Protein backbone atom coordinates (compact mmCIF):
# COMPACT_ATOMS: atom_id res chain seq x y z
CA UNK A 1 -4.27 2.72 3.49
CA UNK A 2 -1.31 4.48 2.03
CA UNK A 3 2.22 3.53 2.67
CA UNK A 4 2.79 6.85 4.36
CA UNK A 5 -0.30 6.15 6.45
CA UNK A 6 -0.44 9.54 8.07
CA UNK A 7 -3.67 9.67 10.05
CA UNK A 8 -5.96 6.76 9.19
CA UNK A 9 -6.79 4.40 12.08
CA UNK A 10 -5.95 0.71 12.27
CA UNK A 11 -6.34 -1.79 15.06
CA UNK A 12 -3.13 -1.42 17.07
CA UNK A 13 -2.80 -5.13 17.67
CA UNK A 14 -1.24 -7.39 15.06
CA UNK A 15 -4.03 -9.44 13.44
CA UNK A 16 -3.81 -12.86 11.80
CA UNK A 17 -3.43 -12.15 8.11
CA UNK A 18 -3.17 -14.92 5.53
CA UNK A 19 -1.12 -12.85 3.14
CA UNK A 20 2.47 -12.93 1.99
CA UNK A 21 4.52 -10.47 4.05
CA UNK A 22 6.68 -8.08 2.04
CA UNK A 23 10.43 -8.24 2.27
CA UNK A 24 13.27 -6.11 1.07
CA UNK A 25 15.06 -8.52 -1.24
CA UNK A 26 16.90 -10.67 -0.40
CA UNK A 27 16.05 -10.33 3.30
CA UNK A 28 13.82 -8.08 5.36
CA UNK A 29 15.44 -5.09 7.10
CA UNK A 30 15.19 -4.28 10.80
CA UNK A 31 15.33 -0.50 10.36
CA UNK A 32 15.18 2.16 7.67
CA UNK A 33 18.33 3.11 5.81
CA UNK A 34 18.10 6.71 7.07
CA UNK A 35 17.53 7.30 10.76
CA UNK A 36 16.15 10.58 12.11
CA UNK A 37 17.84 11.90 15.27
CA UNK A 38 15.50 11.80 18.30
CA UNK A 39 15.99 15.53 18.84
CA UNK A 40 15.12 16.52 15.26
CA UNK A 41 13.11 19.76 15.32
CA UNK A 42 9.82 19.15 13.48
CA UNK A 43 7.32 21.98 12.86
CA UNK A 44 4.20 22.02 15.01
CA UNK A 45 1.94 20.64 12.29
CA UNK A 46 4.20 17.62 11.81
CA UNK A 47 4.20 17.01 15.55
CA UNK A 48 0.41 17.19 15.45
CA UNK A 49 0.34 14.35 12.91
CA UNK A 50 2.67 12.34 15.17
CA UNK A 51 0.22 12.82 18.05
CA UNK A 52 -2.67 11.60 15.89
CA UNK A 53 -0.63 8.54 14.91
CA UNK A 54 0.20 7.71 18.53
CA UNK A 55 -3.49 7.87 19.36
CA UNK A 56 -4.62 5.74 16.41
CA UNK A 57 -1.70 3.30 15.96
CA UNK A 58 -0.01 3.37 19.34
CA UNK A 59 3.25 4.44 17.67
CA UNK A 60 4.66 7.13 15.39
CA UNK A 61 5.20 5.65 11.92
CA UNK A 62 8.65 5.70 10.39
CA UNK A 63 7.53 7.08 6.98
CA UNK A 64 6.10 10.09 8.80
CA UNK A 65 9.44 10.67 10.54
CA UNK A 66 11.15 10.65 7.14
CA UNK A 67 8.58 12.69 5.23
CA UNK A 68 8.41 15.08 8.20
CA UNK A 69 11.95 16.18 7.41
CA UNK A 70 10.38 17.69 4.27
CA UNK A 71 7.60 19.36 6.24
CA UNK A 72 5.82 21.23 3.44
CA UNK A 73 5.83 18.16 1.20
CA UNK A 74 4.62 16.08 4.16
CA UNK A 75 1.69 18.42 4.77
CA UNK A 76 0.78 18.48 1.07
CA UNK A 77 0.93 14.69 0.82
CA UNK A 78 -1.19 14.28 3.94
CA UNK A 79 -3.89 16.52 2.53
CA UNK A 80 -3.67 14.89 -0.89
CA UNK A 81 -4.12 11.38 0.48
CA UNK A 82 -7.01 12.41 2.68
CA UNK A 83 -8.71 13.89 -0.40
CA UNK A 84 -8.17 10.71 -2.45
CA UNK A 85 -8.88 8.01 0.14
CA UNK A 86 -12.04 9.49 1.61
CA UNK A 87 -15.31 8.00 2.74
CA UNK A 88 -17.20 9.61 -0.15
CA UNK A 89 -14.95 8.21 -2.87
CA UNK A 90 -16.87 6.61 -5.76
CA UNK A 91 -14.37 3.71 -5.64
CA UNK A 92 -15.34 1.37 -2.81
CA UNK A 93 -13.00 1.12 0.18
CA UNK A 94 -12.27 -2.61 -0.21
CA UNK A 95 -11.21 -2.19 -3.85
CA UNK A 96 -9.00 0.76 -2.94
CA UNK A 97 -7.29 -1.39 -0.31
CA UNK A 98 -6.74 -4.28 -2.74
CA UNK A 99 -5.19 -1.93 -5.29
CA UNK A 100 -2.88 -0.47 -2.66
CA UNK A 101 -1.71 -3.90 -1.48
CA UNK A 102 -1.08 -5.00 -5.08
CA UNK A 103 0.99 -1.89 -5.87
CA UNK A 104 2.89 -2.28 -2.60
CA UNK A 105 3.84 -5.85 -3.50
CA UNK A 106 5.03 -4.88 -6.96
CA UNK A 107 7.17 -2.11 -5.47
CA UNK A 108 8.74 -4.35 -2.78
CA UNK A 109 7.50 -2.16 0.07
CA UNK A 110 7.47 -4.15 3.33
CA UNK A 111 5.85 -1.39 5.38
CA UNK A 112 3.17 -0.77 2.76
CA UNK A 113 2.15 -4.41 2.35
CA UNK A 114 1.95 -4.78 6.12
CA UNK A 115 -0.18 -1.71 6.78
CA UNK A 116 -2.30 -1.89 3.63
CA UNK A 117 -3.10 -5.56 4.30
CA UNK A 118 -4.30 -4.64 7.78
CA UNK A 119 -6.39 -1.86 6.24
CA UNK A 120 -7.89 -4.33 3.77
CA UNK A 121 -9.01 -6.56 6.64
CA UNK A 122 -10.52 -3.54 8.39
CA UNK A 123 -12.43 -2.88 5.16
CA UNK A 124 -13.85 -6.41 5.21
CA UNK A 125 -11.60 -8.01 2.59
CA UNK A 126 -11.46 -11.72 3.43
CA UNK A 127 -8.02 -13.14 4.33
CA UNK A 128 -8.40 -15.78 1.59
CA UNK A 129 -8.87 -13.01 -0.94
CA UNK A 130 -5.69 -11.27 0.18
CA UNK A 131 -3.82 -14.56 -0.09
CA UNK A 132 -5.07 -14.97 -3.67
CA UNK A 133 -4.26 -11.42 -4.75
CA UNK A 134 -1.33 -12.40 -7.00
CA UNK A 135 -3.73 -14.73 -8.87
CA UNK A 136 -6.63 -12.28 -9.11
CA UNK A 137 -7.15 -12.96 -12.84
CA UNK A 138 -7.89 -16.65 -12.30
CA UNK A 139 -9.28 -16.66 -8.77
CA UNK A 140 -13.10 -16.91 -8.47
CA UNK A 141 -12.89 -14.66 -5.39
CA UNK A 142 -12.49 -11.54 -7.55
CA UNK A 143 -15.17 -9.77 -9.55
CA UNK A 144 -14.58 -8.52 -13.09
CA UNK A 145 -14.62 -4.95 -11.71
CA UNK A 146 -11.81 -5.84 -9.31
CA UNK A 147 -9.83 -7.66 -12.00
CA UNK A 148 -10.08 -4.70 -14.36
CA UNK A 149 -8.94 -2.25 -11.65
CA UNK A 150 -6.06 -4.46 -10.53
CA UNK A 151 -4.87 -5.05 -14.09
CA UNK A 152 -4.92 -1.31 -14.70
CA UNK A 153 -3.02 -0.67 -11.45
CA UNK A 154 -0.37 -3.19 -12.47
CA UNK A 155 0.06 -1.59 -15.89
CA UNK A 156 0.43 1.88 -14.40
CA UNK A 157 2.92 0.60 -11.81
CA UNK A 158 5.09 -1.82 -13.80
CA UNK A 159 7.34 -0.03 -16.34
CA UNK A 160 7.44 -3.22 -18.38
CA UNK A 161 3.65 -3.06 -18.90
CA UNK A 162 2.18 -0.08 -20.78
CA UNK A 163 -1.42 0.94 -20.29
CA UNK A 164 -2.81 -0.37 -23.57
CA UNK A 165 -6.16 0.51 -25.13
CA UNK A 166 -7.31 -3.01 -24.26
CA UNK A 167 -6.48 -2.58 -20.57
CA UNK A 168 -8.15 0.83 -20.45
CA UNK A 169 -11.17 -0.40 -22.41
CA UNK A 170 -11.63 -3.26 -19.96
CA UNK A 171 -11.48 -0.77 -17.09
CA UNK A 172 -13.94 1.59 -18.77
CA UNK A 173 -16.45 -1.23 -19.13
CA UNK A 174 -16.50 -1.56 -15.33
CA UNK A 175 -15.87 1.94 -13.96
CA UNK A 176 -17.22 5.36 -14.85
CA UNK A 177 -15.01 8.30 -15.79
CA UNK A 178 -14.97 9.84 -12.31
CA UNK A 179 -14.14 6.46 -10.78
CA UNK A 180 -11.25 6.03 -13.22
CA UNK A 181 -9.87 9.46 -12.38
CA UNK A 182 -10.04 8.74 -8.66
CA UNK A 183 -8.53 5.29 -9.08
CA UNK A 184 -5.68 6.67 -11.19
CA UNK A 185 -4.94 9.32 -8.56
CA UNK A 186 -4.83 6.64 -5.86
CA UNK A 187 -2.52 4.46 -7.98
CA UNK A 188 -0.16 7.37 -8.61
CA UNK A 189 -0.08 8.30 -4.93
CA UNK A 190 0.50 4.73 -3.77
CA UNK A 191 3.39 4.39 -6.21
CA UNK A 192 5.00 7.55 -4.86
CA UNK A 193 4.55 6.43 -1.28
CA UNK A 194 5.62 2.80 -1.68
CA UNK A 195 8.65 3.64 -3.83
CA UNK A 196 9.78 6.18 -1.22
CA UNK A 197 9.43 3.65 1.59
CA UNK A 198 10.98 0.77 -0.36
CA UNK A 199 14.01 2.79 -1.47
CA UNK A 200 14.66 3.88 2.13
CA UNK A 201 14.13 0.35 3.46
CA UNK A 202 11.28 1.18 5.84
CA UNK A 203 10.45 -2.15 7.53
CA UNK A 204 7.05 -3.61 8.37
CA UNK A 205 5.67 -2.82 11.83
CA UNK A 206 3.60 -5.97 12.36
CA UNK A 207 0.16 -4.44 11.86
CA UNK A 208 -0.79 -7.55 9.91
CA UNK A 209 0.76 -10.68 11.40
CA UNK A 210 1.54 -13.40 8.86
CA UNK A 211 -0.34 -16.62 9.46
CA UNK A 212 1.53 -19.89 10.06
CA UNK A 213 2.86 -21.67 7.00
CA UNK A 214 2.68 -18.65 4.72
CA UNK A 215 5.78 -17.75 2.72
CA UNK A 216 7.32 -14.43 3.72
CA UNK A 217 10.41 -14.34 1.50
CA UNK A 218 9.04 -12.25 -1.34
CA UNK A 219 6.41 -9.83 -2.54
CA UNK A 220 5.08 -10.59 -5.98
CA UNK A 221 5.63 -14.19 -7.07
CA UNK A 222 4.96 -13.42 -10.74
CA UNK A 223 7.31 -10.42 -10.81
CA UNK A 224 10.00 -12.26 -8.88
CA UNK A 225 9.93 -15.05 -11.46
CA UNK A 226 10.69 -12.49 -14.18
CA UNK A 227 13.76 -11.02 -12.46
CA UNK A 228 15.29 -14.09 -10.85
CA UNK A 229 16.53 -17.17 -12.73
CA UNK A 230 15.26 -20.52 -11.47
């Protein structure tokens, strides 16, 4: 599920989700930094996407309101995401969801972590696996294929981590060339989407309710440790 989440369906009710909720540091926001007037005149094809969202989510999503103010870009992004995150993708749906949640956490995107976590549950990712996502390298819940893909996604996303030959070689041992191309396209798209939402402070909508006792004051514990002194 992309952070823009234009037309893909998710259970409208908040589900228990043992996963750290994203926040906009230092505290979560209640609304986006830019508000669209209720009477903003959207083109018909943007309004069509809103109607699809109301049917599938029960609400119109704030990223769509914002992207819709750039209607041609919005349409292009919608079509691009549908081409990347499709049923026939050679990269399995659960792995795509894990990669999207990981990128969303790194980029501090509250909305993206919320919606992508819900999508991961819909794609049969176990809640315990979501909770262990920051420790994917050491957790026995992750396969070597998943570790290689997540490490690659981190390197593409984090400007402090280049994509080295070792990282790419590890990925190539687990995924074929077409899978790598599709995964890279998904990573690039999720970075665009989550950075857009994070910069504009788009808040979570509660698609994935945080379970009791789970910290919700940060996104990526490892990254936070690098940028905040103890």
